[in-house]
Protein backbone atom coordinates (compact mmCIF):
# COMPACT_ATOMS: atom_id res chain seq x y z
CA MET A 1 -43.10 -64.46 -19.19
CA LYS A 2 -40.18 -62.61 -20.76
CA PHE A 3 -37.23 -61.11 -18.91
CA GLU A 4 -34.22 -59.15 -20.06
CA THR A 5 -31.65 -61.28 -18.23
CA LEU A 6 -33.44 -64.58 -17.63
CA LEU A 7 -35.00 -67.32 -19.72
CA PHE A 8 -38.25 -68.73 -18.36
CA ASP A 9 -40.20 -71.84 -19.30
CA LEU A 10 -43.09 -73.66 -17.64
CA GLN A 11 -43.80 -77.29 -18.49
CA GLU A 12 -45.42 -80.12 -16.51
CA GLY A 13 -45.52 -78.01 -13.36
CA VAL A 14 -41.79 -77.16 -13.51
CA ALA A 15 -40.72 -73.53 -13.87
CA SER A 16 -37.26 -73.47 -15.47
CA ILE A 17 -35.25 -70.29 -14.85
CA THR A 18 -31.97 -69.77 -16.70
CA LEU A 19 -29.58 -66.98 -15.73
CA ASN A 20 -28.92 -65.54 -19.18
CA ARG A 21 -26.04 -63.08 -19.24
CA GLU A 22 -23.64 -65.57 -20.78
CA GLN A 23 -21.37 -62.83 -22.18
CA ALA A 24 -20.90 -61.55 -18.61
CA ALA A 25 -20.52 -65.00 -16.98
CA ASN A 26 -24.15 -64.73 -15.79
CA SER A 27 -23.04 -62.12 -13.27
CA MET A 28 -25.74 -60.28 -11.39
CA ASN A 29 -26.38 -56.66 -12.25
CA LEU A 30 -29.33 -54.56 -11.13
CA GLN A 31 -31.53 -55.76 -13.98
CA MET A 32 -30.88 -59.43 -13.26
CA VAL A 33 -31.77 -59.19 -9.58
CA LYS A 34 -34.93 -57.25 -10.48
CA ASP A 35 -35.80 -60.04 -12.91
CA LEU A 36 -35.07 -62.68 -10.26
CA PHE A 37 -37.39 -60.93 -7.84
CA GLU A 38 -40.16 -60.69 -10.43
CA VAL A 39 -39.86 -64.34 -11.42
CA SER A 40 -39.76 -65.43 -7.77
CA LEU A 41 -43.03 -63.60 -7.11
CA SER A 42 -44.61 -65.23 -10.16
CA CYS A 43 -43.44 -68.69 -9.14
CA ASP A 44 -44.80 -68.27 -5.63
CA ALA A 45 -48.15 -66.93 -6.81
CA ASN A 46 -48.85 -69.46 -9.57
CA PRO A 47 -50.43 -72.70 -8.26
CA ASP A 48 -49.52 -74.42 -11.54
CA ILE A 49 -45.84 -74.12 -10.59
CA ARG A 50 -45.01 -77.03 -8.33
CA ALA A 51 -41.22 -77.10 -8.67
CA VAL A 52 -38.59 -74.57 -9.73
CA LEU A 53 -35.34 -75.33 -11.57
CA ILE A 54 -32.56 -72.72 -11.69
CA THR A 55 -29.48 -73.01 -13.92
CA GLY A 56 -27.12 -70.84 -15.94
CA ALA A 57 -26.63 -70.32 -19.67
CA GLY A 58 -23.37 -71.50 -21.18
CA LYS A 59 -20.44 -72.75 -19.14
CA MET A 60 -21.01 -70.73 -15.95
CA PHE A 61 -23.73 -70.96 -13.34
CA SER A 62 -23.00 -67.43 -12.12
CA ALA A 63 -19.84 -65.46 -11.41
CA GLY A 64 -21.71 -63.54 -8.70
CA GLY A 65 -21.98 -59.78 -8.68
CA ASP A 66 -21.17 -57.77 -11.80
CA LEU A 67 -17.99 -56.06 -10.59
CA ALA A 68 -17.75 -53.94 -13.74
CA ALA A 69 -21.19 -52.50 -13.01
CA PHE A 70 -20.20 -51.91 -9.38
CA ALA A 71 -17.02 -50.06 -10.40
CA SER A 72 -18.82 -47.90 -12.96
CA ALA A 73 -21.10 -46.60 -10.20
CA ASN A 74 -18.07 -44.84 -8.65
CA GLU A 75 -19.08 -43.05 -5.43
CA ALA A 76 -22.64 -44.36 -5.83
CA MET A 77 -21.45 -47.97 -5.41
CA PRO A 78 -22.76 -48.33 -1.82
CA ARG A 79 -26.24 -47.22 -2.92
CA LEU A 80 -26.14 -49.56 -5.92
CA LEU A 81 -25.15 -52.50 -3.71
CA LYS A 82 -27.97 -51.76 -1.30
CA GLU A 83 -30.43 -51.73 -4.19
CA ILE A 84 -29.04 -54.92 -5.71
CA THR A 85 -29.08 -56.79 -2.42
CA ALA A 86 -32.63 -55.58 -1.69
CA TYR A 87 -33.92 -57.29 -4.85
CA LEU A 88 -31.63 -60.32 -4.60
CA HIS A 89 -32.49 -60.97 -0.97
CA ALA A 90 -36.21 -60.53 -1.60
CA ALA A 91 -35.99 -63.05 -4.45
CA ILE A 92 -34.10 -65.58 -2.32
CA ALA A 93 -36.63 -65.20 0.50
CA GLN A 94 -39.45 -65.96 -1.95
CA PHE A 95 -37.68 -69.07 -3.26
CA VAL A 96 -36.89 -70.31 0.25
CA HIS A 97 -40.38 -69.77 1.66
CA MET A 98 -42.51 -70.90 -1.30
CA HIS A 99 -44.16 -74.32 -1.16
CA ALA A 100 -42.61 -75.45 -4.45
CA PRO A 101 -39.18 -77.10 -4.02
CA VAL A 102 -36.31 -75.28 -5.72
CA VAL A 103 -33.64 -77.31 -7.54
CA ALA A 104 -30.35 -75.73 -8.61
CA ALA A 105 -28.57 -77.27 -11.60
CA ILE A 106 -24.98 -76.04 -11.20
CA ASN A 107 -23.65 -76.20 -14.75
CA GLY A 108 -20.29 -74.51 -14.10
CA THR A 109 -18.56 -72.17 -11.70
CA ALA A 110 -20.76 -70.78 -8.93
CA ALA A 111 -18.94 -67.82 -7.38
CA GLY A 112 -20.02 -65.12 -4.96
CA ALA A 113 -23.77 -64.60 -5.13
CA GLY A 114 -23.95 -67.53 -7.55
CA PHE A 115 -22.60 -69.76 -4.77
CA SER A 116 -25.05 -68.14 -2.35
CA LEU A 117 -27.98 -68.84 -4.68
CA ALA A 118 -26.92 -72.48 -4.99
CA CYS A 119 -26.83 -72.79 -1.18
CA ALA A 120 -30.31 -71.28 -0.86
CA ALA A 121 -31.84 -73.87 -3.20
CA ASP A 122 -33.60 -76.79 -1.55
CA LEU A 123 -31.70 -79.37 -3.60
CA ALA A 124 -28.68 -79.01 -5.87
CA ILE A 125 -27.23 -81.14 -8.64
CA ALA A 126 -23.78 -80.24 -9.96
CA SER A 127 -22.01 -80.92 -13.21
CA ASP A 128 -18.76 -82.81 -12.71
CA THR A 129 -17.03 -79.68 -14.03
CA ALA A 130 -18.65 -77.30 -11.53
CA LYS A 131 -16.58 -75.27 -9.07
CA PHE A 132 -17.59 -73.28 -6.01
CA THR A 133 -15.92 -70.25 -4.44
CA MET A 134 -17.10 -67.41 -2.22
CA ALA A 135 -14.69 -64.85 -3.75
CA TYR A 136 -16.11 -61.83 -1.86
CA THR A 137 -13.13 -61.04 0.36
CA LYS A 138 -10.79 -61.53 -2.61
CA VAL A 139 -12.03 -58.12 -3.79
CA GLY A 140 -12.51 -56.62 -0.34
CA LEU A 141 -16.26 -57.22 -0.09
CA THR A 142 -18.39 -59.37 2.23
CA PRO A 143 -20.87 -62.17 1.45
CA ASP A 144 -24.50 -61.55 0.56
CA GLY A 145 -27.34 -63.57 -0.95
CA SER A 146 -27.88 -65.66 2.22
CA ALA A 147 -24.36 -67.18 2.30
CA THR A 148 -23.75 -66.26 5.95
CA TYR A 149 -27.07 -67.86 6.86
CA PHE A 150 -26.92 -71.13 4.90
CA LEU A 151 -23.21 -71.98 4.77
CA PRO A 152 -22.67 -72.18 8.55
CA ARG A 153 -25.77 -74.38 8.76
CA LEU A 154 -24.57 -76.61 5.93
CA LEU A 155 -20.90 -76.79 6.89
CA GLY A 156 -20.43 -75.50 10.43
CA ARG A 157 -18.70 -72.27 11.49
CA LYS A 158 -15.10 -73.30 10.79
CA ARG A 159 -15.61 -74.47 7.23
CA ALA A 160 -17.89 -71.54 6.40
CA LEU A 161 -15.22 -69.14 7.62
CA GLU A 162 -12.56 -71.02 5.66
CA LEU A 163 -14.47 -70.54 2.43
CA MET A 164 -15.20 -66.88 3.15
CA LEU A 165 -11.73 -65.90 4.41
CA THR A 166 -9.48 -67.93 2.09
CA ASN A 167 -11.73 -68.03 -1.00
CA ARG A 168 -10.85 -71.70 -1.41
CA VAL A 169 -12.21 -73.18 -4.64
CA LEU A 170 -14.15 -76.39 -4.15
CA SER A 171 -14.47 -78.98 -6.87
CA ALA A 172 -17.82 -80.61 -7.52
CA GLN A 173 -16.63 -83.69 -5.62
CA GLU A 174 -15.61 -81.60 -2.62
CA ALA A 175 -18.94 -79.76 -2.72
CA LEU A 176 -20.69 -83.14 -2.59
CA GLU A 177 -18.53 -84.36 0.29
CA TRP A 178 -19.15 -81.12 2.22
CA GLY A 179 -22.92 -81.33 1.75
CA ILE A 180 -23.29 -78.31 -0.55
CA VAL A 181 -24.77 -80.37 -3.39
CA ASN A 182 -26.82 -83.55 -3.37
CA GLN A 183 -25.50 -85.20 -6.51
CA ILE A 184 -22.87 -84.95 -9.24
CA VAL A 185 -23.57 -85.98 -12.83
CA PRO A 186 -21.59 -85.67 -16.09
CA ALA A 187 -21.98 -82.26 -17.69
CA THR A 188 -23.85 -83.75 -20.64
CA GLU A 189 -26.46 -85.26 -18.30
CA LEU A 190 -26.96 -82.32 -15.94
CA LEU A 191 -30.11 -80.73 -17.34
CA ASN A 192 -31.83 -84.07 -17.96
CA SER A 193 -31.06 -85.20 -14.41
CA ALA A 194 -32.17 -81.91 -12.86
CA GLN A 195 -35.34 -81.81 -14.95
CA ALA A 196 -36.18 -85.39 -13.97
CA LEU A 197 -35.81 -84.50 -10.29
CA ALA A 198 -37.88 -81.33 -10.70
CA LYS A 199 -40.63 -83.25 -12.51
CA GLN A 200 -40.65 -85.86 -9.74
CA LEU A 201 -41.09 -83.11 -7.16
CA ALA A 202 -43.73 -81.34 -9.26
CA ALA A 203 -45.83 -84.51 -9.16
CA GLY A 204 -45.69 -84.59 -5.37
CA PRO A 205 -47.73 -83.02 -2.54
CA THR A 206 -46.71 -79.37 -2.92
CA GLN A 207 -48.19 -78.03 0.32
CA SER A 208 -46.61 -80.90 2.25
CA PHE A 209 -43.24 -80.01 0.72
CA GLY A 210 -43.74 -76.39 1.76
CA SER A 211 -44.49 -77.42 5.33
CA VAL A 212 -41.34 -79.57 5.42
CA LYS A 213 -39.29 -76.58 4.23
CA ASN A 214 -40.84 -74.44 6.95
CA LEU A 215 -40.20 -76.99 9.70
CA ILE A 216 -36.56 -77.34 8.71
CA ALA A 217 -36.12 -73.56 8.54
CA ARG A 218 -37.60 -73.09 12.03
CA SER A 219 -35.73 -75.96 13.68
CA ASP A 220 -32.53 -74.00 14.40
CA HIS A 221 -34.44 -71.51 16.52
CA GLU A 222 -36.58 -73.93 18.52
CA THR A 223 -36.15 -76.09 21.59
CA LEU A 224 -36.85 -79.80 21.27
CA GLU A 225 -40.24 -79.37 22.91
CA SER A 226 -41.30 -76.41 20.76
CA GLN A 227 -40.20 -78.17 17.58
CA LEU A 228 -42.14 -81.27 18.58
CA GLU A 229 -45.19 -79.04 18.96
CA ASN A 230 -44.51 -77.53 15.52
CA GLU A 231 -44.34 -81.04 14.05
CA ALA A 232 -47.59 -82.09 15.73
CA ARG A 233 -49.44 -79.03 14.45
CA SER A 234 -47.97 -79.38 10.98
CA ILE A 235 -48.88 -83.05 10.48
CA ALA A 236 -52.39 -82.43 11.83
CA ALA A 237 -52.86 -79.51 9.41
CA ALA A 238 -51.44 -81.56 6.53
CA SER A 239 -53.93 -84.35 7.21
CA ARG A 240 -56.76 -82.01 6.19
CA SER A 241 -55.35 -81.59 2.67
CA ALA A 242 -56.69 -83.36 -0.39
CA ASP A 243 -53.18 -84.64 -1.10
CA ALA A 244 -52.89 -86.32 2.30
CA GLN A 245 -56.26 -87.99 1.89
CA GLU A 246 -55.28 -89.16 -1.60
CA GLY A 247 -51.86 -90.34 -0.41
CA ILE A 248 -53.31 -92.42 2.42
CA ARG A 249 -55.99 -93.93 0.16
CA ALA A 250 -53.38 -94.78 -2.47
CA PHE A 251 -51.18 -96.48 0.11
CA LEU A 252 -54.06 -98.59 1.43
CA GLU A 253 -55.19 -99.43 -2.10
CA LYS A 254 -51.61 -100.33 -3.10
CA ARG A 255 -51.44 -97.88 -6.02
CA ALA A 256 -49.45 -94.79 -6.92
CA ALA A 257 -50.85 -91.58 -5.49
CA LYS A 258 -51.99 -88.81 -7.84
CA PHE A 259 -51.33 -85.54 -6.04
CA ASN A 260 -52.75 -82.24 -7.26
CA GLY A 261 -50.80 -79.94 -4.95
CA ASN A 262 -53.77 -79.11 -2.68
């Protein structure tokens, strides 16, 4: 697949997506969010894709929205923002709900919608030079890209509001301590580490991973009893899969399981 603003590669079950507007700090214009939506649909529909890795070209993960493009729209800016968020939000929903785990490799600053995209990923590895900032209210805008959904769940209401109201810049170490990323590695090791994690996930039980993602997503809206019922139904359904049968056999036979994603 070829995209105007993204690089795409598929190897060993891992779909690698690189935000590729390096000259514009990988900021998101209308074309990029359209490309993100298209690639998210392709990743969700292709059974050969069993993990997704998202990173940025150059020294930035993403500066967020393309403010120059917003300004050039003049009085049509509100319409442009509605169109951009329609594609961006549809893409994020696809990534969140697909069975394949999504890994973000944060290679540099993640600002605005770039920060939001990092929060929406299932797992995140950051370069030791990465920085994180909401930045929306700094220019009189409000967060999009799922930030107001995921950040309060990751950090709690007070810290989420702090980031959104003060535009505090978090270092990679602070992002790790706050639970925004799972791991920090030296910049020179970032892609290798992220690819190794994505390959590990791609070799796992894909439908089981998808069910775990779904259970976690639903848990905030359930009572204890209803979530226990969800868990019971989910594990019973998972037991019918070829991967579960293979995993149990492998455990009993004291060997490594060979999952096929089904």
